[in-house]
Amino acid sequence: MKNFGQMLKQAQEMQARLAEMQAKLEAHEVTGSSGGGMARVTLNGKGDLRQIKLDPALLDPKEMEVLEDLIVAAHKDARTKVEAYRAEATAALAGGLKLPPGFTLPL
């Protein structure tokens, strides 16, 4: 039963590290941009939208479709950065542990 106690302790430590990682993801922010920075979208590390910034020059009603496309592109850029950050954070949390393909930690 000594091994069970040690496994339980390791599970509790992992749970604490996961909680810490959740807090870091919540606080971390990345900004994606498009149109040479005319449209910017900021997401937190969990992928939640925090802010949208638009250059006033984009606010022409005749160019609404362009504006919409730029927002989507900026969001995609930010989302890619969030996914890269999460992958890096997960790898650090796993401590070099080789996870099976497709397996992710619950972040």
C-alpha atoms as a PDB file:
ATOM      1  CA  MET A   1       0.000   0.000   0.000  1.00  0.00           C
ATOM      2  CA  LYS A   2       3.023   2.275   0.207  1.00  0.00           C
ATOM      3  CA  ASN A   3       2.958   2.709  -3.581  1.00  0.00           C
ATOM      4  CA  PHE A   4      -0.714   3.709  -3.460  1.00  0.00           C
ATOM      5  CA  GLY A   5       0.061   6.479  -0.976  1.00  0.00           C
ATOM      6  CA  GLN A   6       2.885   7.697  -3.180  1.00  0.00           C
ATOM      7  CA  MET A   7       0.621   7.626  -6.252  1.00  0.00           C
ATOM      8  CA  LEU A   8      -2.021   9.611  -4.375  1.00  0.00           C
ATOM      9  CA  LYS A   9       0.562  12.195  -3.374  1.00  0.00           C
ATOM     10  CA  GLN A  10       1.741  12.504  -6.993  1.00  0.00           C
ATOM     11  CA  ALA A  11      -1.863  12.903  -8.181  1.00  0.00           C
ATOM     12  CA  GLN A  12      -2.425  15.698  -5.659  1.00  0.00           C
ATOM     13  CA  GLU A  13       0.764  17.429  -6.789  1.00  0.00           C
ATOM     14  CA  MET A  14      -0.344  17.174 -10.424  1.00  0.00           C
ATOM     15  CA  GLN A  15      -3.757  18.589  -9.515  1.00  0.00           C
ATOM     16  CA  ALA A  16      -2.087  21.560  -7.812  1.00  0.00           C
ATOM     17  CA  ARG A  17       0.123  22.153 -10.864  1.00  0.00           C
ATOM     18  CA  LEU A  18      -2.927  21.968 -13.148  1.00  0.00           C
ATOM     19  CA  ALA A  19      -4.722  24.572 -11.023  1.00  0.00           C
ATOM     20  CA  GLU A  20      -1.662  26.815 -11.201  1.00  0.00           C
ATOM     21  CA  MET A  21      -1.511  26.348 -14.975  1.00  0.00           C
ATOM     22  CA  GLN A  22      -5.214  27.258 -15.275  1.00  0.00           C
ATOM     23  CA  ALA A  23      -4.536  30.524 -13.442  1.00  0.00           C
ATOM     24  CA  LYS A  24      -1.563  31.296 -15.688  1.00  0.00           C
ATOM     25  CA  LEU A  25      -3.620  30.627 -18.816  1.00  0.00           C
ATOM     26  CA  GLU A  26      -6.358  32.920 -17.542  1.00  0.00           C
ATOM     27  CA  ALA A  27      -3.861  35.746 -16.956  1.00  0.00           C
ATOM     28  CA  HIS A  28      -1.735  35.315 -20.107  1.00  0.00           C
ATOM     29  CA  GLU A  29      -2.798  37.406 -23.097  1.00  0.00           C
ATOM     30  CA  VAL A  30      -1.812  37.253 -26.764  1.00  0.00           C
ATOM     31  CA  THR A  31      -2.707  39.636 -29.547  1.00  0.00           C
ATOM     32  CA  GLY A  32      -3.247  38.649 -33.150  1.00  0.00           C
ATOM     33  CA  SER A  33      -3.352  41.180 -35.929  1.00  0.00           C
ATOM     34  CA  SER A  34      -4.222  41.551 -39.588  1.00  0.00           C
ATOM     35  CA  GLY A  35      -4.189  44.280 -42.184  1.00  0.00           C
ATOM     36  CA  GLY A  36      -0.766  45.440 -41.072  1.00  0.00           C
ATOM     37  CA  GLY A  37      -2.010  45.881 -37.506  1.00  0.00           C
ATOM     38  CA  MET A  38      -5.178  47.758 -38.460  1.00  0.00           C
ATOM     39  CA  ALA A  39      -7.276  45.054 -36.784  1.00  0.00           C
ATOM     40  CA  ARG A  40      -6.090  43.506 -33.512  1.00  0.00           C
ATOM     41  CA  VAL A  41      -7.725  40.850 -31.364  1.00  0.00           C
ATOM     42  CA  THR A  42      -6.541  39.965 -27.845  1.00  0.00           C
ATOM     43  CA  LEU A  43      -7.309  36.576 -26.292  1.00  0.00           C
ATOM     44  CA  ASN A  44      -6.316  35.129 -22.948  1.00  0.00           C
ATOM     45  CA  GLY A  45      -4.443  31.827 -22.738  1.00  0.00           C
ATOM     46  CA  LYS A  46      -7.734  29.923 -22.607  1.00  0.00           C
ATOM     47  CA  GLY A  47      -8.887  31.481 -25.873  1.00  0.00           C
ATOM     48  CA  ASP A  48     -11.422  33.886 -24.353  1.00  0.00           C
ATOM     49  CA  LEU A  49     -11.817  37.148 -26.288  1.00  0.00           C
ATOM     50  CA  ARG A  50     -10.534  40.086 -24.227  1.00  0.00           C
ATOM     51  CA  GLN A  51     -10.331  42.994 -26.657  1.00  0.00           C
ATOM     52  CA  ILE A  52     -10.773  44.122 -30.254  1.00  0.00           C
ATOM     53  CA  LYS A  53      -8.942  47.208 -31.538  1.00  0.00           C
ATOM     54  CA  LEU A  54      -9.695  48.673 -34.965  1.00  0.00           C
ATOM     55  CA  ASP A  55      -8.003  51.473 -36.848  1.00  0.00           C
ATOM     56  CA  PRO A  56     -10.621  54.204 -37.419  1.00  0.00           C
ATOM     57  CA  ALA A  57      -9.764  54.170 -41.127  1.00  0.00           C
ATOM     58  CA  LEU A  58     -11.505  50.792 -41.331  1.00  0.00           C
ATOM     59  CA  LEU A  59     -14.858  52.195 -40.257  1.00  0.00           C
ATOM     60  CA  ASP A  60     -16.161  52.946 -43.743  1.00  0.00           C
ATOM     61  CA  PRO A  61     -19.664  51.425 -44.139  1.00  0.00           C
ATOM     62  CA  LYS A  62     -18.825  50.558 -47.756  1.00  0.00           C
ATOM     63  CA  GLU A  63     -15.915  48.428 -46.550  1.00  0.00           C
ATOM     64  CA  MET A  64     -17.800  46.438 -43.884  1.00  0.00           C
ATOM     65  CA  GLU A  65     -16.941  43.078 -45.477  1.00  0.00           C
ATOM     66  CA  VAL A  66     -13.223  43.932 -45.428  1.00  0.00           C
ATOM     67  CA  LEU A  67     -13.487  44.876 -41.748  1.00  0.00           C
ATOM     68  CA  GLU A  68     -15.248  41.608 -40.927  1.00  0.00           C
ATOM     69  CA  ASP A  69     -12.579  39.613 -42.780  1.00  0.00           C
ATOM     70  CA  LEU A  70      -9.801  41.446 -40.942  1.00  0.00           C
ATOM     71  CA  ILE A  71     -11.377  40.688 -37.568  1.00  0.00           C
ATOM     72  CA  VAL A  72     -11.674  36.999 -38.443  1.00  0.00           C
ATOM     73  CA  ALA A  73      -8.047  36.916 -39.633  1.00  0.00           C
ATOM     74  CA  ALA A  74      -6.815  38.686 -36.492  1.00  0.00           C
ATOM     75  CA  HIS A  75      -8.750  36.227 -34.323  1.00  0.00           C
ATOM     76  CA  LYS A  76      -7.220  33.299 -36.202  1.00  0.00           C
ATOM     77  CA  ASP A  77      -3.732  34.762 -35.682  1.00  0.00           C
ATOM     78  CA  ALA A  78      -4.360  35.210 -31.953  1.00  0.00           C
ATOM     79  CA  ARG A  79      -5.855  31.713 -31.650  1.00  0.00           C
ATOM     80  CA  THR A  80      -2.765  30.195 -33.280  1.00  0.00           C
ATOM     81  CA  LYS A  81      -0.585  32.003 -30.732  1.00  0.00           C
ATOM     82  CA  VAL A  82      -2.779  30.793 -27.860  1.00  0.00           C
ATOM     83  CA  GLU A  83      -2.518  27.194 -29.064  1.00  0.00           C
ATOM     84  CA  ALA A  84       1.281  27.474 -29.306  1.00  0.00           C
ATOM     85  CA  TYR A  85       1.446  28.924 -25.784  1.00  0.00           C
ATOM     86  CA  ARG A  86      -0.809  26.181 -24.407  1.00  0.00           C
ATOM     87  CA  ALA A  87       1.266  23.465 -26.094  1.00  0.00           C
ATOM     88  CA  GLU A  88       4.429  24.917 -24.572  1.00  0.00           C
ATOM     89  CA  ALA A  89       2.817  25.217 -21.141  1.00  0.00           C
ATOM     90  CA  THR A  90       1.456  21.672 -21.320  1.00  0.00           C
ATOM     91  CA  ALA A  91       4.866  20.312 -22.298  1.00  0.00           C
ATOM     92  CA  ALA A  92       6.430  22.108 -19.331  1.00  0.00           C
ATOM     93  CA  LEU A  93       3.736  20.766 -17.001  1.00  0.00           C
ATOM     94  CA  ALA A  94       4.184  17.210 -18.267  1.00  0.00           C
ATOM     95  CA  GLY A  95       7.892  17.531 -17.487  1.00  0.00           C
ATOM     96  CA  GLY A  96       9.058  15.854 -20.671  1.00  0.00           C
ATOM     97  CA  LEU A  97       6.587  13.015 -20.289  1.00  0.00           C
ATOM     98  CA  LYS A  98       5.773  11.654 -23.742  1.00  0.00           C
ATOM     99  CA  LEU A  99       1.997  11.834 -24.127  1.00  0.00           C
ATOM    100  CA  PRO A 100       0.242   9.645 -26.702  1.00  0.00           C
ATOM    101  CA  PRO A 101      -0.704  11.401 -29.961  1.00  0.00           C
ATOM    102  CA  GLY A 102      -3.934  13.360 -29.556  1.00  0.00           C
ATOM    103  CA  PHE A 103      -3.781  13.240 -25.752  1.00  0.00           C
ATOM    104  CA  THR A 104      -3.866  16.602 -24.008  1.00  0.00           C
ATOM    105  CA  LEU A 105      -3.979  17.628 -20.393  1.00  0.00           C
ATOM    106  CA  PRO A 106      -7.294  19.169 -19.288  1.00  0.00           C
ATOM    107  CA  LEU A 107      -6.425  22.859 -19.536  1.00  0.00           C
END
